[in-house]
Structures are given as C-alpha cells and as structure tokens.
C-alpha cells in the first residue's frame, strides 16, 4: 500500500554523481544536504530518504532540492538506489503486519 515514486535517473558529467528526478517534491522550495555520518533527526520525506540511501550502502552524500535528488557515490559498489527511492512512500511491504482498526484508532487518541 502507498504510492510508488516514479523517477528518471541521469548521470552527471562528474564521476560518482547520480541524479534522480522524482514525480513529487520532497522539500518544497528548500534544499537539504546530508553526508555519511551525519545525525539525521528530522522526520520529513527528504531525511527519511537520506537514511534509506545511506543504509543501502555505497553513498557518501545526498542533496535534495524539491523533486531533484543528487547522490554522491562512495564507491562503485552501491545498492539498488532506484528501488530505495521508488519505495519511499510504500508503507506495507511483504512481511510487514498491517495494523488493525483498533490499533490505528489508538494511535490518534
């Protein structure tokens, strides 16, 4: 459940840089930059995406500006970043238990 993020991947003239243009804005008019080792405390879509990209491995920095995500690769051995980005808004993955109506109501009370 949730909506997959569609994206277009482009390379950069600079080696080790990938750009992803998404079908939705993650930061509005602002921008954020994260580097590996940064403590990411925010709970917004751009921060969550940065956490997931770092966990995928092979990423040294993430910059998000609106619907454009720029990833600096740490090595040539990096995970499937397109799948990580595309699944940002997919909430119920295989093996994840869907909460009952009672559990959902208890969360908002």
PDB file of N, CA and C in Angstrom:
ATOM      1  N   UNK A   1       0.843  -1.169   0.000  1.00  0.00           N
ATOM      2  CA  UNK A   1       0.000   0.000   0.000  1.00  0.00           C
ATOM      3  C   UNK A   1       0.889   1.234   0.000  1.00  0.00           C
ATOM      4  N   UNK A   2       0.386   2.304  -0.493  1.00  0.00           N
ATOM      5  CA  UNK A   2       1.172   3.513  -0.649  1.00  0.00           C
ATOM      6  C   UNK A   2       1.391   3.752  -2.124  1.00  0.00           C
ATOM      7  N   UNK A   3       1.989   4.856  -2.448  1.00  0.00           N
ATOM      8  CA  UNK A   3       2.199   5.192  -3.847  1.00  0.00           C
ATOM      9  C   UNK A   3       3.671   5.115  -4.195  1.00  0.00           C
ATOM     10  N   UNK A   4       4.011   4.342  -5.220  1.00  0.00           N
ATOM     11  CA  UNK A   4       5.410   4.302  -5.633  1.00  0.00           C
ATOM     12  C   UNK A   4       5.826   5.652  -6.217  1.00  0.00           C
ATOM     13  N   UNK A   5       7.048   6.011  -5.976  1.00  0.00           N
ATOM     14  CA  UNK A   5       7.615   7.231  -6.539  1.00  0.00           C
ATOM     15  C   UNK A   5       8.204   6.868  -7.893  1.00  0.00           C
ATOM     16  N   UNK A   6       7.801   7.574  -8.933  1.00  0.00           N
ATOM     17  CA  UNK A   6       8.420   7.337 -10.234  1.00  0.00           C
ATOM     18  C   UNK A   6       9.584   8.308 -10.396  1.00  0.00           C
ATOM     19  N   UNK A   7      10.606   7.861 -11.106  1.00  0.00           N
ATOM     20  CA  UNK A   7      11.804   8.680 -11.208  1.00  0.00           C
ATOM     21  C   UNK A   7      12.512   8.466 -12.527  1.00  0.00           C
ATOM     22  N   UNK A   8      13.296   9.459 -12.871  1.00  0.00           N
ATOM     23  CA  UNK A   8      14.175   9.399 -14.039  1.00  0.00           C
ATOM     24  C   UNK A   8      15.595   9.543 -13.515  1.00  0.00           C
ATOM     25  N   UNK A   9      16.454   8.609 -13.882  1.00  0.00           N
ATOM     26  CA  UNK A   9      17.847   8.633 -13.430  1.00  0.00           C
ATOM     27  C   UNK A   9      18.722   9.226 -14.524  1.00  0.00           C
ATOM     28  N   UNK A  10      19.566  10.164 -14.128  1.00  0.00           N
ATOM     29  CA  UNK A  10      20.527  10.738 -15.073  1.00  0.00           C
ATOM     30  C   UNK A  10      21.901  10.752 -14.426  1.00  0.00           C
ATOM     31  N   UNK A  11      22.903  10.627 -15.253  1.00  0.00           N
ATOM     32  CA  UNK A  11      24.267  10.709 -14.736  1.00  0.00           C
ATOM     33  C   UNK A  11      24.733  12.155 -14.828  1.00  0.00           C
ATOM     34  N   UNK A  12      25.826  12.417 -14.207  1.00  0.00           N
ATOM     35  CA  UNK A  12      26.410  13.751 -14.191  1.00  0.00           C
ATOM     36  C   UNK A  12      27.724  13.715 -14.961  1.00  0.00           C
ATOM     37  N   UNK A  13      28.163  14.853 -15.471  1.00  0.00           N
ATOM     38  CA  UNK A  13      29.490  14.869 -16.090  1.00  0.00           C
ATOM     39  C   UNK A  13      30.594  14.591 -15.073  1.00  0.00           C
ATOM     40  N   UNK A  14      30.276  14.803 -13.799  1.00  0.00           N
ATOM     41  CA  UNK A  14      31.239  14.495 -12.737  1.00  0.00           C
ATOM     42  C   UNK A  14      31.108  13.024 -12.355  1.00  0.00           C
ATOM     43  N   UNK A  15      32.188  12.272 -12.351  1.00  0.00           N
ATOM     44  CA  UNK A  15      32.119  10.860 -11.966  1.00  0.00           C
ATOM     45  C   UNK A  15      31.647  10.715 -10.517  1.00  0.00           C
ATOM     46  N   UNK A  16      30.879   9.664 -10.281  1.00  0.00           N
ATOM     47  CA  UNK A  16      30.438   9.371  -8.922  1.00  0.00           C
ATOM     48  C   UNK A  16      29.222  10.153  -8.471  1.00  0.00           C
ATOM     49  N   UNK A  17      28.539  10.827  -9.395  1.00  0.00           N
ATOM     50  CA  UNK A  17      27.341  11.596  -9.061  1.00  0.00           C
ATOM     51  C   UNK A  17      26.172  11.042  -9.873  1.00  0.00           C
ATOM     52  N   UNK A  18      25.066  10.751  -9.191  1.00  0.00           N
ATOM     53  CA  UNK A  18      23.833  10.341  -9.863  1.00  0.00           C
ATOM     54  C   UNK A  18      22.736  11.329  -9.497  1.00  0.00           C
ATOM     55  N   UNK A  19      21.863  11.605 -10.458  1.00  0.00           N
ATOM     56  CA  UNK A  19      20.731  12.494 -10.208  1.00  0.00           C
ATOM     57  C   UNK A  19      19.444  11.727 -10.471  1.00  0.00           C
ATOM     58  N   UNK A  20      18.473  11.969  -9.600  1.00  0.00           N
ATOM     59  CA  UNK A  20      17.169  11.341  -9.737  1.00  0.00           C
ATOM     60  C   UNK A  20      16.114  12.443  -9.727  1.00  0.00           C
ATOM     61  N   UNK A  21      15.310  12.503 -10.781  1.00  0.00           N
ATOM     62  CA  UNK A  21      14.216  13.461 -10.836  1.00  0.00           C
ATOM     63  C   UNK A  21      12.929  12.712 -10.516  1.00  0.00           C
ATOM     64  N   UNK A  22      12.247  13.128  -9.442  1.00  0.00           N
ATOM     65  CA  UNK A  22      11.078  12.413  -8.935  1.00  0.00           C
ATOM     66  C   UNK A  22       9.784  13.059  -9.416  1.00  0.00           C
ATOM     67  N   UNK A  23       8.687  12.322  -9.271  1.00  0.00           N
ATOM     68  CA  UNK A  23       7.384  12.854  -9.648  1.00  0.00           C
ATOM     69  C   UNK A  23       6.704  13.585  -8.491  1.00  0.00           C
ATOM     70  N   UNK A  24       7.447  13.888  -7.451  1.00  0.00           N
ATOM     71  CA  UNK A  24       6.895  14.655  -6.333  1.00  0.00           C
ATOM     72  C   UNK A  24       8.008  15.414  -5.634  1.00  0.00           C
ATOM     73  N   UNK A  25       7.636  16.522  -5.035  1.00  0.00           N
ATOM     74  CA  UNK A  25       8.603  17.350  -4.321  1.00  0.00           C
ATOM     75  C   UNK A  25       8.771  16.830  -2.898  1.00  0.00           C
ATOM     76  N   UNK A  26      10.007  16.728  -2.450  1.00  0.00           N
ATOM     77  CA  UNK A  26      10.281  16.258  -1.090  1.00  0.00           C
ATOM     78  C   UNK A  26      10.578  17.404  -0.130  1.00  0.00           C
ATOM     79  N   UNK A  27      11.014  18.547  -0.653  1.00  0.00           N
ATOM     80  CA  UNK A  27      11.413  19.651   0.228  1.00  0.00           C
ATOM     81  C   UNK A  27      10.683  20.955  -0.052  1.00  0.00           C
ATOM     82  N   UNK A  28       9.748  20.974  -0.976  1.00  0.00           N
ATOM     83  CA  UNK A  28       9.119  22.245  -1.330  1.00  0.00           C
ATOM     84  C   UNK A  28      10.142  23.130  -2.027  1.00  0.00           C
ATOM     85  N   UNK A  29      10.294  24.370  -1.560  1.00  0.00           N
ATOM     86  CA  UNK A  29      11.230  25.316  -2.176  1.00  0.00           C
ATOM     87  C   UNK A  29      12.619  25.253  -1.548  1.00  0.00           C
ATOM     88  N   UNK A  30      12.772  24.504  -0.468  1.00  0.00           N
ATOM     89  CA  UNK A  30      14.057  24.447   0.224  1.00  0.00           C
ATOM     90  C   UNK A  30      14.935  23.317  -0.284  1.00  0.00           C
ATOM     91  N   UNK A  31      16.113  23.211   0.319  1.00  0.00           N
ATOM     92  CA  UNK A  31      17.013  22.114  -0.006  1.00  0.00           C
ATOM     93  C   UNK A  31      17.711  21.655   1.268  1.00  0.00           C
ATOM     94  N   UNK A  32      18.141  20.412   1.264  1.00  0.00           N
ATOM     95  CA  UNK A  32      18.877  19.837   2.393  1.00  0.00           C
ATOM     96  C   UNK A  32      20.019  18.993   1.849  1.00  0.00           C
ATOM     97  N   UNK A  33      21.083  18.904   2.634  1.00  0.00           N
ATOM     98  CA  UNK A  33      22.236  18.079   2.262  1.00  0.00           C
ATOM     99  C   UNK A  33      22.648  17.259   3.471  1.00  0.00           C
ATOM    100  N   UNK A  34      22.909  15.999   3.231  1.00  0.00           N
ATOM    101  CA  UNK A  34      23.361  15.086   4.277  1.00  0.00           C
ATOM    102  C   UNK A  34      24.634  14.408   3.808  1.00  0.00           C
ATOM    103  N   UNK A  35      25.531  14.188   4.735  1.00  0.00           N
ATOM    104  CA  UNK A  35      26.743  13.429   4.441  1.00  0.00           C
ATOM    105  C   UNK A  35      26.770  12.212   5.344  1.00  0.00           C
ATOM    106  N   UNK A  36      27.428  11.163   4.873  1.00  0.00           N
ATOM    107  CA  UNK A  36      27.506   9.944   5.658  1.00  0.00           C
ATOM    108  C   UNK A  36      28.099  10.287   7.023  1.00  0.00           C
ATOM    109  N   UNK A  37      27.512   9.758   8.069  1.00  0.00           N
ATOM    110  CA  UNK A  37      27.959  10.042   9.426  1.00  0.00           C
ATOM    111  C   UNK A  37      27.178  11.150  10.097  1.00  0.00           C
ATOM    112  N   UNK A  38      26.427  11.960   9.320  1.00  0.00           N
ATOM    113  CA  UNK A  38      25.587  12.997   9.925  1.00  0.00           C
ATOM    114  C   UNK A  38      24.479  12.347  10.737  1.00  0.00           C
ATOM    115  N   UNK A  39      24.121  12.981  11.843  1.00  0.00           N
ATOM    116  CA  UNK A  39      22.973  12.521  12.616  1.00  0.00           C
ATOM    117  C   UNK A  39      21.731  13.136  11.991  1.00  0.00           C
ATOM    118  N   UNK A  40      20.865  12.292  11.469  1.00  0.00           N
ATOM    119  CA  UNK A  40      19.648  12.765  10.805  1.00  0.00           C
ATOM    120  C   UNK A  40      18.494  12.591  11.780  1.00  0.00           C
ATOM    121  N   UNK A  41      18.041  13.693  12.346  1.00  0.00           N
ATOM    122  CA  UNK A  41      16.983  13.635  13.355  1.00  0.00           C
ATOM    123  C   UNK A  41      15.607  13.987  12.812  1.00  0.00           C
ATOM    124  N   UNK A  42      15.557  14.720  11.729  1.00  0.00           N
ATOM    125  CA  UNK A  42      14.270  15.176  11.196  1.00  0.00           C
ATOM    126  C   UNK A  42      13.430  13.989  10.730  1.00  0.00           C
ATOM    127  N   UNK A  43      12.123  14.195  10.711  1.00  0.00           N
ATOM    128  CA  UNK A  43      11.181  13.143  10.327  1.00  0.00           C
ATOM    129  C   UNK A  43      10.394  13.569   9.082  1.00  0.00           C
ATOM    130  N   UNK A  44      11.089  14.111   8.099  1.00  0.00           N
ATOM    131  CA  UNK A  44      10.436  14.545   6.869  1.00  0.00           C
ATOM    132  C   UNK A  44      10.851  13.599   5.736  1.00  0.00           C
ATOM    133  N   UNK A  45      10.172  13.664   4.588  1.00  0.00           N
ATOM    134  CA  UNK A  45      10.494  12.727   3.499  1.00  0.00           C
ATOM    135  C   UNK A  45      11.947  12.776   3.036  1.00  0.00           C
ATOM    136  N   UNK A  46      12.536  13.957   2.929  1.00  0.00           N
ATOM    137  CA  UNK A  46      13.926  14.054   2.466  1.00  0.00           C
ATOM    138  C   UNK A  46      14.880  13.387   3.448  1.00  0.00           C
ATOM    139  N   UNK A  47      14.648  13.579   4.737  1.00  0.00           N
ATOM    140  CA  UNK A  47      15.506  12.966   5.755  1.00  0.00           C
ATOM    141  C   UNK A  47      15.359  11.455   5.759  1.00  0.00           C
ATOM    142  N   UNK A  48      14.124  10.988   5.636  1.00  0.00           N
ATOM    143  CA  UNK A  48      13.885   9.542   5.594  1.00  0.00           C
ATOM    144  C   UNK A  48      14.555   8.924   4.371  1.00  0.00           C
ATOM    145  N   UNK A  49      14.473   9.604   3.243  1.00  0.00           N
ATOM    146  CA  UNK A  49      15.124   9.101   2.035  1.00  0.00           C
ATOM    147  C   UNK A  49      16.634   9.040   2.219  1.00  0.00           C
ATOM    148  N   UNK A  50      17.220  10.064   2.812  1.00  0.00           N
ATOM    149  CA  UNK A  50      18.671  10.066   3.048  1.00  0.00           C
ATOM    150  C   UNK A  50      19.070   8.890   3.931  1.00  0.00           C
ATOM    151  N   UNK A  51      18.305   8.640   4.994  1.00  0.00           N
ATOM    152  CA  UNK A  51      18.601   7.499   5.878  1.00  0.00           C
ATOM    153  C   UNK A  51      18.596   6.193   5.083  1.00  0.00           C
ATOM    154  N   UNK A  52      17.571   6.018   4.254  1.00  0.00           N
ATOM    155  CA  UNK A  52      17.449   4.780   3.478  1.00  0.00           C
ATOM    156  C   UNK A  52      18.572   4.636   2.456  1.00  0.00           C
ATOM    157  N   UNK A  53      18.953   5.735   1.823  1.00  0.00           N
ATOM    158  CA  UNK A  53      20.043   5.670   0.840  1.00  0.00           C
ATOM    159  C   UNK A  53      21.366   5.329   1.511  1.00  0.00           C
ATOM    160  N   UNK A  54      21.643   5.911   2.677  1.00  0.00           N
ATOM    161  CA  UNK A  54      22.874   5.575   3.397  1.00  0.00           C
ATOM    162  C   UNK A  54      22.859   4.112   3.834  1.00  0.00           C
ATOM    163  N   UNK A  55      21.697   3.620   4.266  1.00  0.00           N
ATOM    164  CA  UNK A  55      21.587   2.217   4.681  1.00  0.00           C
ATOM    165  C   UNK A  55      21.770   1.259   3.504  1.00  0.00           C
ATOM    166  N   UNK A  56      21.456   1.707   2.294  1.00  0.00           N
ATOM    167  CA  UNK A  56      21.640   0.854   1.111  1.00  0.00           C
ATOM    168  C   UNK A  56      23.116   0.615   0.824  1.00  0.00           C
ATOM    169  N   UNK A  57      23.964   1.532   1.274  1.00  0.00           N
ATOM    170  CA  UNK A  57      25.406   1.378   1.102  1.00  0.00           C
ATOM    171  C   UNK A  57      25.936   2.027  -0.162  1.00  0.00           C
ATOM    172  N   UNK A  58      27.203   2.412  -0.098  1.00  0.00           N
ATOM    173  CA  UNK A  58      27.878   2.976  -1.250  1.00  0.00           C
ATOM    174  C   UNK A  58      27.592   4.440  -1.517  1.00  0.00           C
ATOM    175  N   UNK A  59      26.906   5.122  -0.582  1.00  0.00           N
ATOM    176  CA  UNK A  59      26.536   6.524  -0.754  1.00  0.00           C
ATOM    177  C   UNK A  59      27.292   7.358   0.268  1.00  0.00           C
ATOM    178  N   UNK A  60      27.913   8.457  -0.178  1.00  0.00           N
ATOM    179  CA  UNK A  60      28.638   9.318   0.764  1.00  0.00           C
ATOM    180  C   UNK A  60      27.909  10.621   1.050  1.00  0.00           C
ATOM    181  N   UNK A  61      27.010  11.065   0.161  1.00  0.00           N
ATOM    182  CA  UNK A  61      26.264  12.304   0.398  1.00  0.00           C
ATOM    183  C   UNK A  61      24.963  12.285  -0.395  1.00  0.00           C
ATOM    184  N   UNK A  62      23.963  12.998   0.138  1.00  0.00           N
ATOM    185  CA  UNK A  62      22.660  13.125  -0.509  1.00  0.00           C
ATOM    186  C   UNK A  62      22.253  14.594  -0.444  1.00  0.00           C
ATOM    187  N   UNK A  63      21.852  15.144  -1.574  1.00  0.00           N
ATOM    188  CA  UNK A  63      21.338  16.510  -1.628  1.00  0.00           C
ATOM    189  C   UNK A  63      19.943  16.448  -2.237  1.00  0.00           C
ATOM    190  N   UNK A  64      18.969  17.074  -1.570  1.00  0.00           N
ATOM    191  CA  UNK A  64      17.593  17.070  -2.056  1.00  0.00           C
ATOM    192  C   UNK A  64      17.140  18.513  -2.231  1.00  0.00           C
ATOM    193  N   UNK A  65      16.668  18.824  -3.422  1.00  0.00           N
ATOM    194  CA  UNK A  65      16.127  20.145  -3.721  1.00  0.00           C
ATOM    195  C   UNK A  65      14.831  19.944  -4.484  1.00  0.00           C
ATOM    196  N   UNK A  66      13.716  20.144  -3.800  1.00  0.00           N
ATOM    197  CA  UNK A  66      12.416  19.934  -4.427  1.00  0.00           C
ATOM    198  C   UNK A  66      12.241  18.488  -4.832  1.00  0.00           C
ATOM    199  N   UNK A  67      12.144  18.250  -6.138  1.00  0.00           N
ATOM    200  CA  UNK A  67      11.956  16.887  -6.641  1.00  0.00           C
ATOM    201  C   UNK A  67      13.236  16.302  -7.231  1.00  0.00           C
ATOM    202  N   UNK A  68      14.356  16.975  -7.024  1.00  0.00           N
ATOM    203  CA  UNK A  68      15.646  16.513  -7.550  1.00  0.00           C
ATOM    204  C   UNK A  68      16.502  15.972  -6.406  1.00  0.00           C
ATOM    205  N   UNK A  69      16.954  14.736  -6.549  1.00  0.00           N
ATOM    206  CA  UNK A  69      17.822  14.105  -5.553  1.00  0.00           C
ATOM    207  C   UNK A  69      19.168  13.844  -6.221  1.00  0.00           C
ATOM    208  N   UNK A  70      20.231  14.382  -5.631  1.00  0.00           N
ATOM    209  CA  UNK A  70      21.584  14.171  -6.140  1.00  0.00           C
ATOM    210  C   UNK A  70      22.337  13.318  -5.137  1.00  0.00           C
ATOM    211  N   UNK A  71      22.898  12.220  -5.609  1.00  0.00           N
ATOM    212  CA  UNK A  71      23.596  11.272  -4.741  1.00  0.00           C
ATOM    213  C   UNK A  71      25.066  11.237  -5.135  1.00  0.00           C
ATOM    214  N   UNK A  72      25.928  11.405  -4.134  1.00  0.00           N
ATOM    215  CA  UNK A  72      27.366  11.248  -4.337  1.00  0.00           C
ATOM    216  C   UNK A  72      27.730   9.842  -3.899  1.00  0.00           C
ATOM    217  N   UNK A  73      28.312   9.080  -4.791  1.00  0.00           N
ATOM    218  CA  UNK A  73      28.646   7.688  -4.502  1.00  0.00           C
ATOM    219  C   UNK A  73      29.991   7.599  -3.795  1.00  0.00           C
ATOM    220  N   UNK A  74      30.059   6.722  -2.806  1.00  0.00           N
ATOM    221  CA  UNK A  74      31.310   6.495  -2.083  1.00  0.00           C
ATOM    222  C   UNK A  74      32.196   5.518  -2.840  1.00  0.00           C
ATOM    223  N   UNK A  75      31.573   4.630  -3.602  1.00  0.00           N
ATOM    224  CA  UNK A  75      32.323   3.624  -4.351  1.00  0.00           C
ATOM    225  C   UNK A  75      31.481   3.173  -5.532  1.00  0.00           C
ATOM    226  N   UNK A  76      32.048   2.325  -6.347  1.00  0.00           N
ATOM    227  CA  UNK A  76      31.289   1.789  -7.476  1.00  0.00           C
ATOM    228  C   UNK A  76      30.373   0.656  -7.037  1.00  0.00           C
ATOM    229  N   UNK A  77      30.486   0.243  -5.787  1.00  0.00           N
ATOM    230  CA  UNK A  77      29.653  -0.828  -5.239  1.00  0.00           C
ATOM    231  C   UNK A  77      28.547  -0.201  -4.396  1.00  0.00           C
ATOM    232  N   UNK A  78      27.438   0.147  -5.050  1.00  0.00           N
ATOM    233  CA  UNK A  78      26.321   0.758  -4.338  1.00  0.00           C
ATOM    234  C   UNK A  78      25.074  -0.069  -4.570  1.00  0.00           C
ATOM    235  N   UNK A  79      24.103   0.086  -3.672  1.00  0.00           N
ATOM    236  CA  UNK A  79      22.880  -0.701  -3.735  1.00  0.00           C
ATOM    237  C   UNK A  79      21.957  -0.254  -4.867  1.00  0.00           C
ATOM    238  N   UNK A  80      20.778  -0.841  -4.898  1.00  0.00           N
ATOM    239  CA  UNK A  80      19.765  -0.506  -5.898  1.00  0.00           C
ATOM    240  C   UNK A  80      19.050   0.764  -5.451  1.00  0.00           C
ATOM    241  N   UNK A  81      19.624   1.902  -5.760  1.00  0.00           N
ATOM    242  CA  UNK A  81      19.110   3.181  -5.279  1.00  0.00           C
ATOM    243  C   UNK A  81      17.748   3.512  -5.870  1.00  0.00           C
ATOM    244  N   UNK A  82      17.490   3.099  -7.097  1.00  0.00           N
ATOM    245  CA  UNK A  82      16.189   3.369  -7.712  1.00  0.00           C
ATOM    246  C   UNK A  82      15.065   2.684  -6.941  1.00  0.00           C
ATOM    247  N   UNK A  83      15.294   1.465  -6.491  1.00  0.00           N
ATOM    248  CA  UNK A  83      14.286   0.758  -5.706  1.00  0.00           C
ATOM    249  C   UNK A  83      14.086   1.428  -4.356  1.00  0.00           C
ATOM    250  N   UNK A  84      15.165   1.877  -3.737  1.00  0.00           N
ATOM    251  CA  UNK A  84      15.074   2.574  -2.445  1.00  0.00           C
ATOM    252  C   UNK A  84      14.237   3.839  -2.598  1.00  0.00           C
ATOM    253  N   UNK A  85      14.516   4.632  -3.622  1.00  0.00           N
ATOM    254  CA  UNK A  85      13.779   5.881  -3.827  1.00  0.00           C
ATOM    255  C   UNK A  85      12.333   5.592  -4.218  1.00  0.00           C
ATOM    256  N   UNK A  86      12.122   4.647  -5.113  1.00  0.00           N
ATOM    257  CA  UNK A  86      10.778   4.313  -5.567  1.00  0.00           C
ATOM    258  C   UNK A  86       9.876   3.802  -4.462  1.00  0.00           C
ATOM    259  N   UNK A  87      10.456   3.207  -3.426  1.00  0.00           N
ATOM    260  CA  UNK A  87       9.672   2.666  -2.323  1.00  0.00           C
ATOM    261  C   UNK A  87       9.500   3.604  -1.147  1.00  0.00           C
ATOM    262  N   UNK A  88       9.846   4.876  -1.315  1.00  0.00           N
ATOM    263  CA  UNK A  88       9.794   5.820  -0.193  1.00  0.00           C
ATOM    264  C   UNK A  88       8.415   5.903   0.445  1.00  0.00           C
ATOM    265  N   UNK A  89       7.360   5.893  -0.359  1.00  0.00           N
ATOM    266  CA  UNK A  89       6.001   6.021   0.176  1.00  0.00           C
ATOM    267  C   UNK A  89       5.247   4.701   0.192  1.00  0.00           C
ATOM    268  N   UNK A  90       5.937   3.584   0.055  1.00  0.00           N
ATOM    269  CA  UNK A  90       5.304   2.275   0.139  1.00  0.00           C
ATOM    270  C   UNK A  90       5.388   1.816   1.586  1.00  0.00           C
ATOM    271  N   UNK A  91       4.236   1.757   2.239  1.00  0.00           N
ATOM    272  CA  UNK A  91       4.215   1.520   3.676  1.00  0.00           C
ATOM    273  C   UNK A  91       4.139   0.051   4.062  1.00  0.00           C
ATOM    274  N   UNK A  92       3.375  -0.735   3.321  1.00  0.00           N
ATOM    275  CA  UNK A  92       3.161  -2.113   3.726  1.00  0.00           C
ATOM    276  C   UNK A  92       3.876  -3.044   2.762  1.00  0.00           C
ATOM    277  N   UNK A  93       5.059  -3.425   3.142  1.00  0.00           N
ATOM    278  CA  UNK A  93       5.877  -4.319   2.336  1.00  0.00           C
ATOM    279  C   UNK A  93       5.613  -5.760   2.743  1.00  0.00           C
ATOM    280  N   UNK A  94       5.976  -6.735   1.924  1.00  0.00           N
ATOM    281  CA  UNK A  94       5.799  -8.129   2.315  1.00  0.00           C
ATOM    282  C   UNK A  94       6.478  -8.405   3.659  1.00  0.00           C
ATOM    283  N   UNK A  95       5.745  -9.069   4.543  1.00  0.00           N
ATOM    284  CA  UNK A  95       6.279  -9.393   5.863  1.00  0.00           C
ATOM    285  C   UNK A  95       5.968  -8.358   6.925  1.00  0.00           C
ATOM    286  N   UNK A  96       5.407  -7.218   6.534  1.00  0.00           N
ATOM    287  CA  UNK A  96       5.048  -6.175   7.494  1.00  0.00           C
ATOM    288  C   UNK A  96       3.586  -6.362   7.863  1.00  0.00           C
ATOM    289  N   UNK A  97       3.312  -6.452   9.148  1.00  0.00           N
ATOM    290  CA  UNK A  97       1.951  -6.669   9.612  1.00  0.00           C
ATOM    291  C   UNK A  97       1.156  -5.372   9.525  1.00  0.00           C
ATOM    292  N   UNK A  98      -0.017  -5.445   8.902  1.00  0.00           N
ATOM    293  CA  UNK A  98      -0.885  -4.273   8.768  1.00  0.00           C
ATOM    294  C   UNK A  98      -1.630  -4.081  10.087  1.00  0.00           C
ATOM    295  N   UNK A  99      -1.617  -2.860  10.655  1.00  0.00           N
ATOM    296  CA  UNK A  99      -2.286  -2.635  11.935  1.00  0.00           C
ATOM    297  C   UNK A  99      -3.802  -2.783  11.809  1.00  0.00           C
ATOM    298  N   UNK A 100      -4.417  -3.226  12.897  1.00  0.00           N
ATOM    299  CA  UNK A 100      -5.871  -3.371  12.924  1.00  0.00           C
ATOM    300  C   UNK A 100      -6.514  -1.995  13.087  1.00  0.00           C
ATOM    301  N   UNK A 101      -7.833  -1.933  12.891  1.00  0.00           N
ATOM    302  CA  UNK A 101      -8.552  -0.668  13.070  1.00  0.00           C
ATOM    303  C   UNK A 101      -8.382  -0.142  14.490  1.00  0.00           C
ATOM    304  N   UNK A 102      -8.423  -1.035  15.469  1.00  0.00           N
ATOM    305  CA  UNK A 102      -8.278  -0.626  16.867  1.00  0.00           C
ATOM    306  C   UNK A 102      -6.900  -0.015  17.125  1.00  0.00           C
ATOM    307  N   UNK A 103      -5.869  -0.612  16.542  1.00  0.00           N
ATOM    308  CA  UNK A 103      -4.513  -0.077  16.714  1.00  0.00           C
ATOM    309  C   UNK A 103      -4.376   1.300  16.070  1.00  0.00           C
ATOM    310  N   UNK A 104      -4.980   1.477  14.907  1.00  0.00           N
ATOM    311  CA  UNK A 104      -4.924   2.770  14.236  1.00  0.00           C
ATOM    312  C   UNK A 104      -5.659   3.843  15.031  1.00  0.00           C
ATOM    313  N   UNK A 105      -6.823   3.502  15.573  1.00  0.00           N
ATOM    314  CA  UNK A 105      -7.588   4.461  16.382  1.00  0.00           C
ATOM    315  C   UNK A 105      -6.814   4.828  17.633  1.00  0.00           C
ATOM    316  N   UNK A 106      -6.164   3.849  18.254  1.00  0.00           N
ATOM    317  CA  UNK A 106      -5.386   4.116  19.468  1.00  0.00           C
ATOM    318  C   UNK A 106      -4.221   5.066  19.192  1.00  0.00           C
ATOM    319  N   UNK A 107      -3.692   5.059  17.979  1.00  0.00           N
ATOM    320  CA  UNK A 107      -2.573   5.943  17.633  1.00  0.00           C
ATOM    321  C   UNK A 107      -2.977   7.410  17.606  1.00  0.00           C
ATOM    322  N   UNK A 108      -4.228   7.700  17.275  1.00  0.00           N
ATOM    323  CA  UNK A 108      -4.668   9.094  17.158  1.00  0.00           C
ATOM    324  C   UNK A 108      -5.346   9.608  18.417  1.00  0.00           C
ATOM    325  N   UNK A 109      -5.648   8.742  19.342  1.00  0.00           N
ATOM    326  CA  UNK A 109      -6.303   9.188  20.586  1.00  0.00           C
ATOM    327  C   UNK A 109      -5.306   9.665  21.596  1.00  0.00           C
TER     328      UNK A 109
END
